[in-house]
């Protein structure tokens, strides 16, 4: 996979995790009867972990591209 493709994939992962978190938060806010709060909370926790993992991956990819550019300069 090229560096640009990997960066794009990480950004897509960040966006997906953010959207999943937002959807879970909206469901939780609109749950008038309490609903399955444990499942919604678990969804938020997994979304947060996914976001953090994609952010770390993106950081490593950007650093790698930066180092490659430094070598080529």
PDB file of N, CA and C in Angstrom:
ATOM      1  N   UNK A   1       0.848  -1.177   0.000  1.00  0.00           N
ATOM      2  CA  UNK A   1       0.000   0.000   0.000  1.00  0.00           C
ATOM      3  C   UNK A   1       0.888   1.234   0.000  1.00  0.00           C
ATOM      4  N   UNK A   2       0.550   2.215  -0.801  1.00  0.00           N
ATOM      5  CA  UNK A   2       1.331   3.440  -0.834  1.00  0.00           C
ATOM      6  C   UNK A   2       1.064   4.259   0.419  1.00  0.00           C
ATOM      7  N   UNK A   3       1.961   5.181   0.711  1.00  0.00           N
ATOM      8  CA  UNK A   3       1.797   6.021   1.896  1.00  0.00           C
ATOM      9  C   UNK A   3       0.529   6.859   1.804  1.00  0.00           C
ATOM     10  N   UNK A   4       0.257   7.386   0.609  1.00  0.00           N
ATOM     11  CA  UNK A   4      -0.931   8.212   0.433  1.00  0.00           C
ATOM     12  C   UNK A   4      -2.193   7.366   0.640  1.00  0.00           C
ATOM     13  N   UNK A   5      -2.193   6.146   0.119  1.00  0.00           N
ATOM     14  CA  UNK A   5      -3.338   5.263   0.311  1.00  0.00           C
ATOM     15  C   UNK A   5      -3.544   4.927   1.775  1.00  0.00           C
ATOM     16  N   UNK A   6      -2.453   4.723   2.497  1.00  0.00           N
ATOM     17  CA  UNK A   6      -2.541   4.435   3.923  1.00  0.00           C
ATOM     18  C   UNK A   6      -3.067   5.624   4.705  1.00  0.00           C
ATOM     19  N   UNK A   7      -2.620   6.807   4.345  1.00  0.00           N
ATOM     20  CA  UNK A   7      -3.094   8.018   5.003  1.00  0.00           C
ATOM     21  C   UNK A   7      -4.582   8.193   4.744  1.00  0.00           C
ATOM     22  N   UNK A   8      -4.991   7.975   3.504  1.00  0.00           N
ATOM     23  CA  UNK A   8      -6.403   8.079   3.158  1.00  0.00           C
ATOM     24  C   UNK A   8      -7.240   7.074   3.944  1.00  0.00           C
ATOM     25  N   UNK A   9      -6.719   5.873   4.100  1.00  0.00           N
ATOM     26  CA  UNK A   9      -7.413   4.834   4.857  1.00  0.00           C
ATOM     27  C   UNK A   9      -7.550   5.227   6.329  1.00  0.00           C
ATOM     28  N   UNK A  10      -6.502   5.797   6.891  1.00  0.00           N
ATOM     29  CA  UNK A  10      -6.553   6.229   8.287  1.00  0.00           C
ATOM     30  C   UNK A  10      -7.562   7.354   8.484  1.00  0.00           C
ATOM     31  N   UNK A  11      -7.593   8.278   7.543  1.00  0.00           N
ATOM     32  CA  UNK A  11      -8.551   9.381   7.638  1.00  0.00           C
ATOM     33  C   UNK A  11      -9.975   8.850   7.521  1.00  0.00           C
ATOM     34  N   UNK A  12     -10.187   7.891   6.626  1.00  0.00           N
ATOM     35  CA  UNK A  12     -11.511   7.264   6.503  1.00  0.00           C
ATOM     36  C   UNK A  12     -11.897   6.578   7.808  1.00  0.00           C
ATOM     37  N   UNK A  13     -10.941   5.912   8.444  1.00  0.00           N
ATOM     38  CA  UNK A  13     -11.196   5.267   9.728  1.00  0.00           C
ATOM     39  C   UNK A  13     -11.549   6.265  10.815  1.00  0.00           C
ATOM     40  N   UNK A  14     -10.863   7.411  10.827  1.00  0.00           N
ATOM     41  CA  UNK A  14     -11.181   8.467  11.790  1.00  0.00           C
ATOM     42  C   UNK A  14     -12.601   8.979  11.590  1.00  0.00           C
ATOM     43  N   UNK A  15     -12.953   9.203  10.347  1.00  0.00           N
ATOM     44  CA  UNK A  15     -14.294   9.709  10.036  1.00  0.00           C
ATOM     45  C   UNK A  15     -15.368   8.691  10.421  1.00  0.00           C
ATOM     46  N   UNK A  16     -15.126   7.409  10.120  1.00  0.00           N
ATOM     47  CA  UNK A  16     -16.101   6.368  10.449  1.00  0.00           C
ATOM     48  C   UNK A  16     -16.289   6.251  11.962  1.00  0.00           C
ATOM     49  N   UNK A  17     -15.191   6.285  12.702  1.00  0.00           N
ATOM     50  CA  UNK A  17     -15.278   6.197  14.163  1.00  0.00           C
ATOM     51  C   UNK A  17     -16.016   7.400  14.737  1.00  0.00           C
ATOM     52  N   UNK A  18     -15.759   8.574  14.175  1.00  0.00           N
ATOM     53  CA  UNK A  18     -16.432   9.784  14.624  1.00  0.00           C
ATOM     54  C   UNK A  18     -17.934   9.710  14.362  1.00  0.00           C
ATOM     55  N   UNK A  19     -18.306   9.235  13.185  1.00  0.00           N
ATOM     56  CA  UNK A  19     -19.726   9.113  12.846  1.00  0.00           C
ATOM     57  C   UNK A  19     -20.419   8.078  13.716  1.00  0.00           C
ATOM     58  N   UNK A  20     -19.739   6.977  14.006  1.00  0.00           N
ATOM     59  CA  UNK A  20     -20.309   5.937  14.858  1.00  0.00           C
ATOM     60  C   UNK A  20     -20.511   6.467  16.277  1.00  0.00           C
ATOM     61  N   UNK A  21     -19.543   7.231  16.768  1.00  0.00           N
ATOM     62  CA  UNK A  21     -19.660   7.831  18.096  1.00  0.00           C
ATOM     63  C   UNK A  21     -20.826   8.805  18.142  1.00  0.00           C
ATOM     64  N   UNK A  22     -20.941   9.638  17.122  1.00  0.00           N
ATOM     65  CA  UNK A  22     -22.025  10.611  17.082  1.00  0.00           C
ATOM     66  C   UNK A  22     -23.389   9.918  17.054  1.00  0.00           C
ATOM     67  N   UNK A  23     -23.515   8.854  16.268  1.00  0.00           N
ATOM     68  CA  UNK A  23     -24.778   8.125  16.188  1.00  0.00           C
ATOM     69  C   UNK A  23     -25.135   7.508  17.542  1.00  0.00           C
ATOM     70  N   UNK A  24     -24.147   6.943  18.233  1.00  0.00           N
ATOM     71  CA  UNK A  24     -24.408   6.349  19.547  1.00  0.00           C
ATOM     72  C   UNK A  24     -24.816   7.414  20.558  1.00  0.00           C
ATOM     73  N   UNK A  25     -24.193   8.576  20.481  1.00  0.00           N
ATOM     74  CA  UNK A  25     -24.529   9.661  21.404  1.00  0.00           C
ATOM     75  C   UNK A  25     -25.949  10.168  21.154  1.00  0.00           C
ATOM     76  N   UNK A  26     -26.333  10.272  19.893  1.00  0.00           N
ATOM     77  CA  UNK A  26     -27.689  10.714  19.564  1.00  0.00           C
ATOM     78  C   UNK A  26     -28.711   9.695  20.052  1.00  0.00           C
ATOM     79  N   UNK A  27     -28.430   8.400  19.818  1.00  0.00           N
ATOM     80  CA  UNK A  27     -29.339   7.351  20.301  1.00  0.00           C
ATOM     81  C   UNK A  27     -29.482   7.414  21.820  1.00  0.00           C
ATOM     82  N   UNK A  28     -28.366   7.652  22.506  1.00  0.00           N
ATOM     83  CA  UNK A  28     -28.399   7.710  23.965  1.00  0.00           C
ATOM     84  C   UNK A  28     -29.203   8.922  24.434  1.00  0.00           C
ATOM     85  N   UNK A  29     -29.020  10.048  23.783  1.00  0.00           N
ATOM     86  CA  UNK A  29     -29.736  11.262  24.165  1.00  0.00           C
ATOM     87  C   UNK A  29     -31.231  11.129  23.918  1.00  0.00           C
ATOM     88  N   UNK A  30     -31.607  10.377  22.895  1.00  0.00           N
ATOM     89  CA  UNK A  30     -33.016  10.238  22.537  1.00  0.00           C
ATOM     90  C   UNK A  30     -33.687   9.046  23.207  1.00  0.00           C
ATOM     91  N   UNK A  31     -32.968   8.275  23.977  1.00  0.00           N
ATOM     92  CA  UNK A  31     -33.543   7.096  24.634  1.00  0.00           C
ATOM     93  C   UNK A  31     -34.369   7.552  25.831  1.00  0.00           C
ATOM     94  N   UNK A  32     -35.670   7.629  25.647  1.00  0.00           N
ATOM     95  CA  UNK A  32     -36.547   8.112  26.721  1.00  0.00           C
ATOM     96  C   UNK A  32     -36.814   7.045  27.772  1.00  0.00           C
ATOM     97  N   UNK A  33     -36.762   5.784  27.374  1.00  0.00           N
ATOM     98  CA  UNK A  33     -37.072   4.708  28.315  1.00  0.00           C
ATOM     99  C   UNK A  33     -35.813   4.066  28.900  1.00  0.00           C
ATOM    100  N   UNK A  34     -34.683   4.667  28.678  1.00  0.00           N
ATOM    101  CA  UNK A  34     -33.429   4.101  29.173  1.00  0.00           C
ATOM    102  C   UNK A  34     -32.788   3.186  28.154  1.00  0.00           C
ATOM    103  N   UNK A  35     -33.607   2.500  27.389  1.00  0.00           N
ATOM    104  CA  UNK A  35     -33.095   1.642  26.323  1.00  0.00           C
ATOM    105  C   UNK A  35     -31.965   0.742  26.795  1.00  0.00           C
ATOM    106  N   UNK A  36     -31.141   0.360  25.873  1.00  0.00           N
ATOM    107  CA  UNK A  36     -29.997  -0.477  26.215  1.00  0.00           C
ATOM    108  C   UNK A  36     -28.762   0.414  26.339  1.00  0.00           C
ATOM    109  N   UNK A  37     -28.705   1.125  27.439  1.00  0.00           N
ATOM    110  CA  UNK A  37     -27.615   2.082  27.661  1.00  0.00           C
ATOM    111  C   UNK A  37     -26.253   1.402  27.691  1.00  0.00           C
ATOM    112  N   UNK A  38     -26.197   0.178  28.197  1.00  0.00           N
ATOM    113  CA  UNK A  38     -24.915  -0.528  28.267  1.00  0.00           C
ATOM    114  C   UNK A  38     -24.371  -0.765  26.863  1.00  0.00           C
ATOM    115  N   UNK A  39     -25.225  -1.153  25.932  1.00  0.00           N
ATOM    116  CA  UNK A  39     -24.784  -1.387  24.552  1.00  0.00           C
ATOM    117  C   UNK A  39     -24.346  -0.083  23.901  1.00  0.00           C
ATOM    118  N   UNK A  40     -25.088   0.993  24.158  1.00  0.00           N
ATOM    119  CA  UNK A  40     -24.715   2.285  23.582  1.00  0.00           C
ATOM    120  C   UNK A  40     -23.395   2.784  24.167  1.00  0.00           C
ATOM    121  N   UNK A  41     -23.199   2.572  25.441  1.00  0.00           N
ATOM    122  CA  UNK A  41     -21.938   2.972  26.075  1.00  0.00           C
ATOM    123  C   UNK A  41     -20.778   2.148  25.522  1.00  0.00           C
ATOM    124  N   UNK A  42     -21.005   0.856  25.340  1.00  0.00           N
ATOM    125  CA  UNK A  42     -19.967  -0.001  24.760  1.00  0.00           C
ATOM    126  C   UNK A  42     -19.628   0.447  23.339  1.00  0.00           C
ATOM    127  N   UNK A  43     -20.636   0.857  22.586  1.00  0.00           N
ATOM    128  CA  UNK A  43     -20.407   1.351  21.227  1.00  0.00           C
ATOM    129  C   UNK A  43     -19.562   2.628  21.247  1.00  0.00           C
ATOM    130  N   UNK A  44     -19.824   3.486  22.227  1.00  0.00           N
ATOM    131  CA  UNK A  44     -19.033   4.711  22.355  1.00  0.00           C
ATOM    132  C   UNK A  44     -17.580   4.403  22.712  1.00  0.00           C
ATOM    133  N   UNK A  45     -17.381   3.455  23.605  1.00  0.00           N
ATOM    134  CA  UNK A  45     -16.014   3.090  24.022  1.00  0.00           C
ATOM    135  C   UNK A  45     -15.245   2.491  22.845  1.00  0.00           C
ATOM    136  N   UNK A  46     -15.887   1.596  22.085  1.00  0.00           N
ATOM    137  CA  UNK A  46     -15.197   1.000  20.937  1.00  0.00           C
ATOM    138  C   UNK A  46     -14.933   2.037  19.859  1.00  0.00           C
ATOM    139  N   UNK A  47     -15.847   2.993  19.689  1.00  0.00           N
ATOM    140  CA  UNK A  47     -15.621   4.067  18.720  1.00  0.00           C
ATOM    141  C   UNK A  47     -14.431   4.921  19.127  1.00  0.00           C
ATOM    142  N   UNK A  48     -14.337   5.200  20.418  1.00  0.00           N
ATOM    143  CA  UNK A  48     -13.216   5.999  20.926  1.00  0.00           C
ATOM    144  C   UNK A  48     -11.892   5.263  20.712  1.00  0.00           C
ATOM    145  N   UNK A  49     -11.882   3.965  20.976  1.00  0.00           N
ATOM    146  CA  UNK A  49     -10.660   3.183  20.782  1.00  0.00           C
ATOM    147  C   UNK A  49     -10.279   3.122  19.306  1.00  0.00           C
ATOM    148  N   UNK A  50     -11.261   2.974  18.441  1.00  0.00           N
ATOM    149  CA  UNK A  50     -11.013   2.946  17.004  1.00  0.00           C
ATOM    150  C   UNK A  50     -10.450   4.278  16.527  1.00  0.00           C
ATOM    151  N   UNK A  51     -11.016   5.369  17.024  1.00  0.00           N
ATOM    152  CA  UNK A  51     -10.533   6.696  16.652  1.00  0.00           C
ATOM    153  C   UNK A  51      -9.079   6.874  17.088  1.00  0.00           C
ATOM    154  N   UNK A  52      -8.776   6.481  18.315  1.00  0.00           N
ATOM    155  CA  UNK A  52      -7.407   6.625  18.833  1.00  0.00           C
ATOM    156  C   UNK A  52      -6.419   5.780  18.026  1.00  0.00           C
ATOM    157  N   UNK A  53      -6.815   4.562  17.672  1.00  0.00           N
ATOM    158  CA  UNK A  53      -5.927   3.693  16.887  1.00  0.00           C
ATOM    159  C   UNK A  53      -5.671   4.286  15.502  1.00  0.00           C
ATOM    160  N   UNK A  54      -6.714   4.793  14.864  1.00  0.00           N
ATOM    161  CA  UNK A  54      -6.536   5.400  13.547  1.00  0.00           C
ATOM    162  C   UNK A  54      -5.704   6.676  13.630  1.00  0.00           C
ATOM    163  N   UNK A  55      -5.858   7.431  14.706  1.00  0.00           N
ATOM    164  CA  UNK A  55      -5.054   8.648  14.884  1.00  0.00           C
ATOM    165  C   UNK A  55      -3.579   8.306  15.037  1.00  0.00           C
ATOM    166  N   UNK A  56      -3.268   7.263  15.802  1.00  0.00           N
ATOM    167  CA  UNK A  56      -1.873   6.843  15.978  1.00  0.00           C
ATOM    168  C   UNK A  56      -1.294   6.340  14.664  1.00  0.00           C
ATOM    169  N   UNK A  57      -2.093   5.598  13.909  1.00  0.00           N
ATOM    170  CA  UNK A  57      -1.644   5.103  12.611  1.00  0.00           C
ATOM    171  C   UNK A  57      -1.356   6.263  11.669  1.00  0.00           C
ATOM    172  N   UNK A  58      -2.257   7.233  11.641  1.00  0.00           N
ATOM    173  CA  UNK A  58      -2.070   8.408  10.790  1.00  0.00           C
ATOM    174  C   UNK A  58      -0.807   9.172  11.188  1.00  0.00           C
ATOM    175  N   UNK A  59      -0.600   9.323  12.480  1.00  0.00           N
ATOM    176  CA  UNK A  59       0.596  10.019  12.969  1.00  0.00           C
ATOM    177  C   UNK A  59       1.869   9.316  12.495  1.00  0.00           C
ATOM    178  N   UNK A  60       1.897   7.996  12.608  1.00  0.00           N
ATOM    179  CA  UNK A  60       3.073   7.233  12.176  1.00  0.00           C
ATOM    180  C   UNK A  60       3.283   7.351  10.668  1.00  0.00           C
ATOM    181  N   UNK A  61       2.194   7.335   9.900  1.00  0.00           N
ATOM    182  CA  UNK A  61       2.310   7.442   8.448  1.00  0.00           C
ATOM    183  C   UNK A  61       2.827   8.817   8.031  1.00  0.00           C
ATOM    184  N   UNK A  62       2.332   9.851   8.665  1.00  0.00           N
ATOM    185  CA  UNK A  62       2.784  11.208   8.341  1.00  0.00           C
ATOM    186  C   UNK A  62       4.260  11.368   8.710  1.00  0.00           C
ATOM    187  N   UNK A  63       4.669  10.819   9.849  1.00  0.00           N
ATOM    188  CA  UNK A  63       6.079  10.890  10.230  1.00  0.00           C
ATOM    189  C   UNK A  63       6.944  10.141   9.232  1.00  0.00           C
ATOM    190  N   UNK A  64       6.463   8.991   8.772  1.00  0.00           N
ATOM    191  CA  UNK A  64       7.216   8.212   7.786  1.00  0.00           C
ATOM    192  C   UNK A  64       7.381   8.963   6.477  1.00  0.00           C
ATOM    193  N   UNK A  65       6.318   9.615   6.035  1.00  0.00           N
ATOM    194  CA  UNK A  65       6.397  10.406   4.802  1.00  0.00           C
ATOM    195  C   UNK A  65       7.365  11.568   5.000  1.00  0.00           C
ATOM    196  N   UNK A  66       7.306  12.191   6.167  1.00  0.00           N
ATOM    197  CA  UNK A  66       8.228  13.292   6.460  1.00  0.00           C
ATOM    198  C   UNK A  66       9.679  12.847   6.436  1.00  0.00           C
ATOM    199  N   UNK A  67       9.948  11.691   7.023  1.00  0.00           N
ATOM    200  CA  UNK A  67      11.316  11.165   7.016  1.00  0.00           C
ATOM    201  C   UNK A  67      11.763  10.815   5.606  1.00  0.00           C
ATOM    202  N   UNK A  68      10.861  10.262   4.820  1.00  0.00           N
ATOM    203  CA  UNK A  68      11.185   9.947   3.431  1.00  0.00           C
ATOM    204  C   UNK A  68      11.514  11.222   2.640  1.00  0.00           C
ATOM    205  N   UNK A  69      10.733  12.252   2.862  1.00  0.00           N
ATOM    206  CA  UNK A  69      11.000  13.535   2.181  1.00  0.00           C
ATOM    207  C   UNK A  69      12.336  14.120   2.626  1.00  0.00           C
ATOM    208  N   UNK A  70      12.663  13.978   3.915  1.00  0.00           N
ATOM    209  CA  UNK A  70      13.959  14.468   4.412  1.00  0.00           C
ATOM    210  C   UNK A  70      15.108  13.725   3.736  1.00  0.00           C
ATOM    211  N   UNK A  71      14.955  12.412   3.552  1.00  0.00           N
ATOM    212  CA  UNK A  71      16.006  11.617   2.922  1.00  0.00           C
ATOM    213  C   UNK A  71      16.171  12.029   1.454  1.00  0.00           C
ATOM    214  N   UNK A  72      15.048  12.288   0.788  1.00  0.00           N
ATOM    215  CA  UNK A  72      15.088  12.622  -0.633  1.00  0.00           C
ATOM    216  C   UNK A  72      15.577  14.040  -0.891  1.00  0.00           C
ATOM    217  N   UNK A  73      15.509  14.907   0.117  1.00  0.00           N
ATOM    218  CA  UNK A  73      15.892  16.317  -0.076  1.00  0.00           C
ATOM    219  C   UNK A  73      17.376  16.507  -0.186  1.00  0.00           C
TER     220      UNK A  73
END
